[in-house]
Protein backbone atom coordinates (compact mmCIF):
# COMPACT_ATOMS: atom_id res chain seq x y z
CA MET A 1 11.60 5.57 -24.12
CA SER A 2 11.37 3.75 -20.76
CA GLY A 3 8.34 1.81 -19.64
CA MET A 4 6.49 2.32 -16.35
CA LEU A 5 5.85 0.46 -13.14
CA TYR A 6 2.21 0.17 -12.09
CA ILE A 7 1.61 -0.72 -8.42
CA CYS A 8 -1.75 -2.50 -8.55
CA ALA A 9 -3.85 -3.20 -5.46
CA THR A 10 -5.77 -6.48 -5.53
CA PRO A 11 -8.66 -7.64 -3.31
CA ILE A 12 -7.94 -8.83 0.24
CA GLY A 13 -10.83 -11.30 0.00
CA ASN A 14 -13.85 -10.09 -1.91
CA LEU A 15 -13.22 -10.09 -5.66
CA GLY A 16 -15.79 -7.31 -6.01
CA ASP A 17 -13.13 -4.94 -4.65
CA MET A 18 -11.00 -5.24 -7.79
CA THR A 19 -11.18 -1.87 -9.55
CA PRO A 20 -11.89 -1.60 -13.29
CA ARG A 21 -8.72 0.51 -13.62
CA VAL A 22 -6.56 -2.28 -12.19
CA VAL A 23 -8.20 -4.88 -14.48
CA GLU A 24 -7.60 -2.67 -17.53
CA THR A 25 -3.98 -2.03 -16.52
CA LEU A 26 -3.21 -5.72 -15.90
CA ARG A 27 -4.56 -6.48 -19.37
CA SER A 28 -2.52 -3.77 -21.08
CA VAL A 29 0.96 -4.09 -19.50
CA ASP A 30 3.69 -6.26 -20.98
CA LEU A 31 4.36 -8.25 -17.79
CA ILE A 32 2.85 -8.80 -14.35
CA ALA A 33 5.23 -9.32 -11.41
CA ALA A 34 3.32 -11.37 -8.81
CA GLU A 35 4.21 -12.47 -5.29
CA ASP A 36 2.93 -16.00 -5.99
CA THR A 37 2.03 -16.80 -9.59
CA ARG A 38 0.07 -19.93 -8.53
CA ASN A 39 -2.16 -17.78 -6.36
CA SER A 40 -2.45 -14.86 -8.77
CA ILE A 41 -3.39 -17.04 -11.77
CA LYS A 42 -6.79 -17.61 -10.12
CA LEU A 43 -7.35 -13.86 -9.94
CA LEU A 44 -6.24 -13.31 -13.54
CA ASN A 45 -8.43 -16.15 -14.81
CA HIS A 46 -11.45 -14.74 -12.97
CA PHE A 47 -11.06 -11.42 -14.77
CA GLU A 48 -9.95 -13.03 -18.06
CA ILE A 49 -6.53 -11.39 -17.98
CA LYS A 50 -4.06 -13.16 -20.31
CA THR A 51 -0.91 -11.12 -19.60
CA SER A 52 2.28 -13.08 -18.82
CA MET A 53 3.40 -13.32 -15.20
CA THR A 54 6.73 -13.67 -13.45
CA SER A 55 7.38 -14.25 -9.75
CA TYR A 56 8.59 -11.42 -7.53
CA HIS A 57 8.84 -12.22 -3.82
CA GLU A 58 10.90 -11.85 -0.64
CA TYR A 59 13.53 -14.39 -1.72
CA ASN A 60 14.32 -12.97 -5.18
CA LYS A 61 13.48 -9.29 -4.62
CA ILE A 62 16.98 -7.91 -5.31
CA GLU A 63 18.00 -9.76 -8.47
CA LYS A 64 14.45 -9.85 -9.86
CA ALA A 65 14.03 -6.12 -9.27
CA ASP A 66 17.19 -5.51 -11.34
CA TYR A 67 15.78 -7.73 -14.10
CA LEU A 68 12.41 -5.92 -14.10
CA VAL A 69 14.10 -2.50 -14.12
CA GLY A 70 16.09 -3.68 -17.15
CA LEU A 71 12.86 -4.57 -18.97
CA MET A 72 11.33 -1.19 -18.17
CA GLN A 73 14.47 0.55 -19.43
CA GLN A 74 13.87 -1.29 -22.71
CA GLY A 75 10.36 0.23 -22.91
CA LYS A 76 8.29 -2.53 -21.28
CA ASP A 77 5.45 -1.70 -18.87
CA VAL A 78 5.33 -3.82 -15.70
CA ALA A 79 2.49 -4.22 -13.18
CA LEU A 80 3.29 -5.27 -9.61
CA ILE A 81 0.73 -7.26 -7.61
CA THR A 82 0.82 -9.02 -4.27
CA ASP A 83 -1.23 -11.98 -3.02
CA ALA A 84 -3.76 -9.63 -1.43
CA GLY A 85 -3.96 -5.89 -0.93
CA THR A 86 -1.59 -3.11 -1.92
CA PRO A 87 1.98 -4.01 -2.98
CA ALA A 88 4.94 -2.39 -1.16
CA ILE A 89 3.06 -2.25 2.18
CA SER A 90 4.85 -4.78 4.40
CA ASP A 91 5.93 -6.30 1.09
CA PRO A 92 9.13 -6.66 -1.04
CA GLY A 93 7.59 -4.30 -3.61
CA GLU A 94 9.25 -1.41 -1.79
CA VAL A 95 12.62 -2.62 -3.15
CA LEU A 96 11.40 -2.54 -6.75
CA VAL A 97 9.89 0.93 -6.32
CA ALA A 98 13.18 2.27 -4.90
CA LYS A 99 15.20 0.75 -7.74
CA CYS A 100 12.81 2.25 -10.32
CA TYR A 101 13.40 5.73 -8.92
CA GLU A 102 17.17 5.15 -8.93
CA ALA A 103 16.91 4.23 -12.61
CA GLY A 104 14.68 7.19 -13.49
CA ILE A 105 11.64 5.03 -14.25
CA VAL A 106 8.16 6.48 -13.71
CA VAL A 107 6.09 4.76 -11.01
CA THR A 108 2.36 5.09 -10.45
CA SER A 109 0.07 3.48 -7.87
CA LEU A 110 -3.47 2.27 -8.54
CA PRO A 111 -5.25 2.40 -5.16
CA GLY A 112 -7.48 -0.30 -3.78
CA ALA A 113 -7.84 -2.59 -0.79
CA ALA A 114 -5.40 -2.49 2.15
CA ALA A 115 -6.10 -4.65 5.20
CA CYS A 116 -4.54 -2.15 7.63
CA ILE A 117 -6.80 0.72 6.53
CA THR A 118 -9.89 -1.49 6.31
CA ALA A 119 -9.33 -2.69 9.90
CA LEU A 120 -8.63 0.81 11.19
CA THR A 121 -11.92 2.14 9.83
CA LEU A 122 -13.77 -0.78 11.45
CA SER A 123 -12.00 -0.55 14.81
CA GLY A 124 -14.03 2.11 16.58
CA LEU A 125 -10.74 3.57 17.82
CA SER A 126 -9.20 6.92 16.91
CA THR A 127 -8.34 7.16 13.21
CA ARG A 128 -6.84 10.66 13.23
CA ARG A 129 -3.34 9.48 14.11
CA PHE A 130 -2.11 5.92 13.71
CA CYS A 131 1.07 3.89 13.22
CA PHE A 132 1.43 0.66 11.24
CA GLU A 133 3.90 -1.98 12.49
CA ALA A 134 2.77 -4.90 10.27
CA PHE A 135 4.14 -8.19 11.73
CA LEU A 136 6.29 -7.86 14.84
CA PRO A 137 9.89 -9.08 14.29
CA ALA A 138 10.60 -12.77 14.92
CA ASP A 139 13.92 -11.97 16.66
CA LYS A 140 13.28 -11.81 20.42
CA LYS A 141 15.49 -8.79 21.18
CA GLU A 142 14.20 -6.77 18.23
CA ARG A 143 10.62 -7.74 19.08
CA ALA A 144 11.05 -6.66 22.72
CA ALA A 145 12.55 -3.33 21.60
CA ILE A 146 9.60 -2.62 19.27
CA LEU A 147 7.07 -3.51 21.99
CA GLU A 148 8.87 -1.21 24.42
CA GLU A 149 8.57 1.62 21.87
CA LEU A 150 4.88 0.89 21.38
CA LYS A 151 4.34 1.11 25.14
CA GLU A 152 4.67 4.91 24.89
CA GLU A 153 2.94 5.25 21.50
CA SER A 154 0.02 7.71 21.68
CA ARG A 155 -1.25 6.95 18.16
CA THR A 156 -3.57 4.03 17.36
CA ILE A 157 -1.40 0.96 16.62
CA ILE A 158 -2.03 -1.51 13.77
CA LEU A 159 -0.41 -4.97 13.74
CA TYR A 160 -0.76 -8.07 11.58
CA GLU A 161 -0.65 -11.52 13.15
CA ALA A 162 -0.97 -15.15 12.06
CA PRO A 163 -3.43 -17.36 14.00
CA HIS A 164 -0.77 -19.66 15.49
CA HIS A 165 1.08 -16.66 17.01
CA LEU A 166 -1.95 -14.69 18.17
CA VAL A 167 -2.04 -15.83 21.81
CA ARG A 168 1.69 -15.20 22.27
CA THR A 169 1.35 -11.70 20.82
CA LEU A 170 -1.69 -10.86 22.96
CA ARG A 171 0.24 -12.05 26.02
CA GLU A 172 3.22 -9.83 25.13
CA LEU A 173 0.95 -6.85 24.48
CA MET A 174 -0.69 -7.36 27.87
CA GLU A 175 2.68 -7.61 29.63
CA THR A 176 4.20 -4.58 27.90
CA LEU A 177 1.33 -2.19 27.13
CA GLY A 178 -1.04 -3.21 29.90
CA ASP A 179 -4.77 -3.72 29.39
CA ARG A 180 -6.09 -1.49 26.62
CA ARG A 181 -8.90 -1.38 24.11
CA ILE A 182 -8.21 -3.56 21.09
CA THR A 183 -10.19 -4.51 17.99
CA LEU A 184 -9.38 -7.87 16.39
CA CYS A 185 -10.33 -8.14 12.72
CA ARG A 186 -10.20 -11.37 10.71
CA GLU A 187 -11.35 -12.58 7.28
CA LEU A 188 -11.83 -8.96 6.21
CA THR A 189 -14.23 -8.46 3.26
CA LYS A 190 -14.94 -12.23 3.20
CA LYS A 191 -18.11 -14.15 4.04
CA PHE A 192 -17.08 -14.85 7.64
CA GLU A 193 -15.61 -11.42 8.40
CA THR A 194 -15.46 -10.84 12.16
CA VAL A 195 -14.68 -7.63 14.03
CA LEU A 196 -14.25 -7.91 17.80
CA PRO A 197 -13.86 -4.70 19.83
CA THR A 198 -12.73 -5.75 23.31
CA MET A 199 -9.91 -5.39 25.86
CA ILE A 200 -6.51 -7.11 25.51
CA ALA A 201 -7.09 -9.14 28.70
CA ASP A 202 -10.52 -10.35 27.53
CA ALA A 203 -9.17 -11.26 24.08
CA LEU A 204 -6.38 -13.26 25.71
CA VAL A 205 -8.84 -15.22 27.89
CA MET A 206 -11.02 -15.95 24.86
CA TYR A 207 -8.25 -17.16 22.56
CA GLU A 208 -6.54 -19.23 25.23
CA SER A 209 -9.66 -21.42 25.19
CA GLU A 210 -10.66 -21.02 21.53
CA GLU A 211 -8.31 -21.74 18.63
CA PRO A 212 -7.74 -18.63 16.47
CA ARG A 213 -8.48 -19.07 12.77
CA GLY A 214 -7.56 -16.87 9.80
CA GLU A 215 -5.19 -13.95 9.49
CA TYR A 216 -5.69 -11.16 12.03
CA VAL A 217 -5.32 -7.41 12.00
CA LEU A 218 -5.01 -6.00 15.53
CA VAL A 219 -5.95 -2.37 16.11
CA ILE A 220 -4.80 -1.19 19.55
CA GLU A 221 -5.55 1.98 21.45
CA GLY A 222 -2.55 4.26 21.95
CA LYS A 223 -1.56 5.62 25.35
CA SER A 224 -3.49 8.85 25.92
CA LEU A 225 -1.52 12.09 26.07
CA GLU A 226 -3.16 12.79 29.43
CA GLN A 227 -1.91 9.47 30.83
CA LYS A 228 1.60 10.17 29.53
CA LYS A 229 1.52 13.59 31.20
CA GLU A 230 0.35 12.08 34.51
CA GLU A 231 3.08 9.43 34.37
CA ARG A 232 5.76 12.06 33.70
CA GLN A 233 4.52 14.14 36.62
CA ALA A 234 4.44 11.08 38.88
CA SER A 235 8.02 10.19 37.93
CA TRP A 236 9.21 13.60 39.22
CA GLN A 237 7.46 13.10 42.56
CA SER A 238 10.09 10.55 43.59
CA MET A 239 12.59 13.43 43.54
CA SER A 240 12.61 16.25 46.10
CA ILE A 241 12.06 19.78 44.82
CA GLU A 242 15.66 20.62 45.77
CA GLU A 243 16.95 17.64 43.73
CA HIS A 244 14.64 18.59 40.88
CA MET A 245 15.99 22.15 40.87
CA ALA A 246 19.57 20.89 41.05
CA TYR A 247 18.94 18.65 38.04
CA TYR A 248 18.12 21.61 35.79
CA GLU A 249 20.73 23.92 37.28
CA LYS A 250 23.39 21.32 36.44
CA GLU A 251 22.04 21.44 32.88
CA GLY A 252 22.96 25.15 32.85
CA MET A 253 19.59 26.75 33.64
CA ASP A 254 19.43 29.81 35.86
CA GLU A 255 17.33 29.62 39.03
CA LYS A 256 14.28 31.33 37.54
CA SER A 257 14.20 29.09 34.44
CA ALA A 258 14.77 25.96 36.53
CA MET A 259 11.91 26.96 38.85
CA LYS A 260 9.60 27.42 35.87
CA GLN A 261 10.52 24.01 34.42
CA VAL A 262 10.16 22.24 37.79
CA ALA A 263 6.67 23.72 38.18
CA LYS A 264 5.76 22.55 34.66
CA ASP A 265 7.10 19.03 35.29
CA ARG A 266 5.10 18.71 38.50
CA GLY A 267 1.95 20.31 37.12
CA VAL A 268 1.83 23.06 39.76
CA PRO A 269 1.97 26.89 39.63
CA LYS A 270 5.46 28.41 39.64
CA ARG A 271 4.66 30.43 42.80
CA GLU A 272 4.15 27.13 44.68
CA ILE A 273 7.74 26.11 43.94
CA TYR A 274 8.95 29.62 44.79
CA GLN A 275 7.13 29.64 48.15
CA TYR A 276 8.48 26.18 49.01
CA LEU A 277 12.09 27.18 48.26
CA LEU A 278 11.63 30.48 50.14
CA SER A 279 10.43 28.61 53.22
CA LYS A 280 13.58 26.48 53.11
């Protein structure tokens, strides 16, 4: 009978956030796969967990995942932990989970702390719809493409950023998204936790004169649906009504349908378009 994979969330700062279920599981499994064993040994010692550990990280995720799957196929239970938070979120654990499913191994997740969700709930911004981008890509072209996508994003946006890259990222956000509400969260759940709801421009001014410290979670307001609608309508205004009609008629629409769509695009009643065309 095959073993199981247990995805175990660990604290993002405050050790009080370790759940009893995770502690019990880490004690009972045959092996713990940890992102950094030197870091995780402190956590295990604190909770008096004696289970053996092996490293599982970005640079060995393929071959080590195959090895761990092999152990589980032999009946061993494996727990996956990351340095902080929930494994497989912006983390190589997603590779191991995928390989477990390919091999028919049962996977379960033990919920706990996640920096992105903690920051979102603290942000004061809309939590109903959100997107998580983690760290922006290092590659310039890829990074610019992602930022361009985020420019039109109507959901609340969550990013991670290191202190030495914070000013550059704020500058790029300002250039691409424009000035918006943003909440900067750092040292979450720790003694010096700080949550700063502000505007991107104000945050940029502040951190250009004050050195950022600690890892940051940035929660950014999405573009409102109303603003997107206004921008779409404004973009059509550069085109004459005749050109606008011709655009849809070339697409195969009949005159009546094209008239209806033109009116919708411009945010005016259909009869207004009809009267205009009649006068011409």
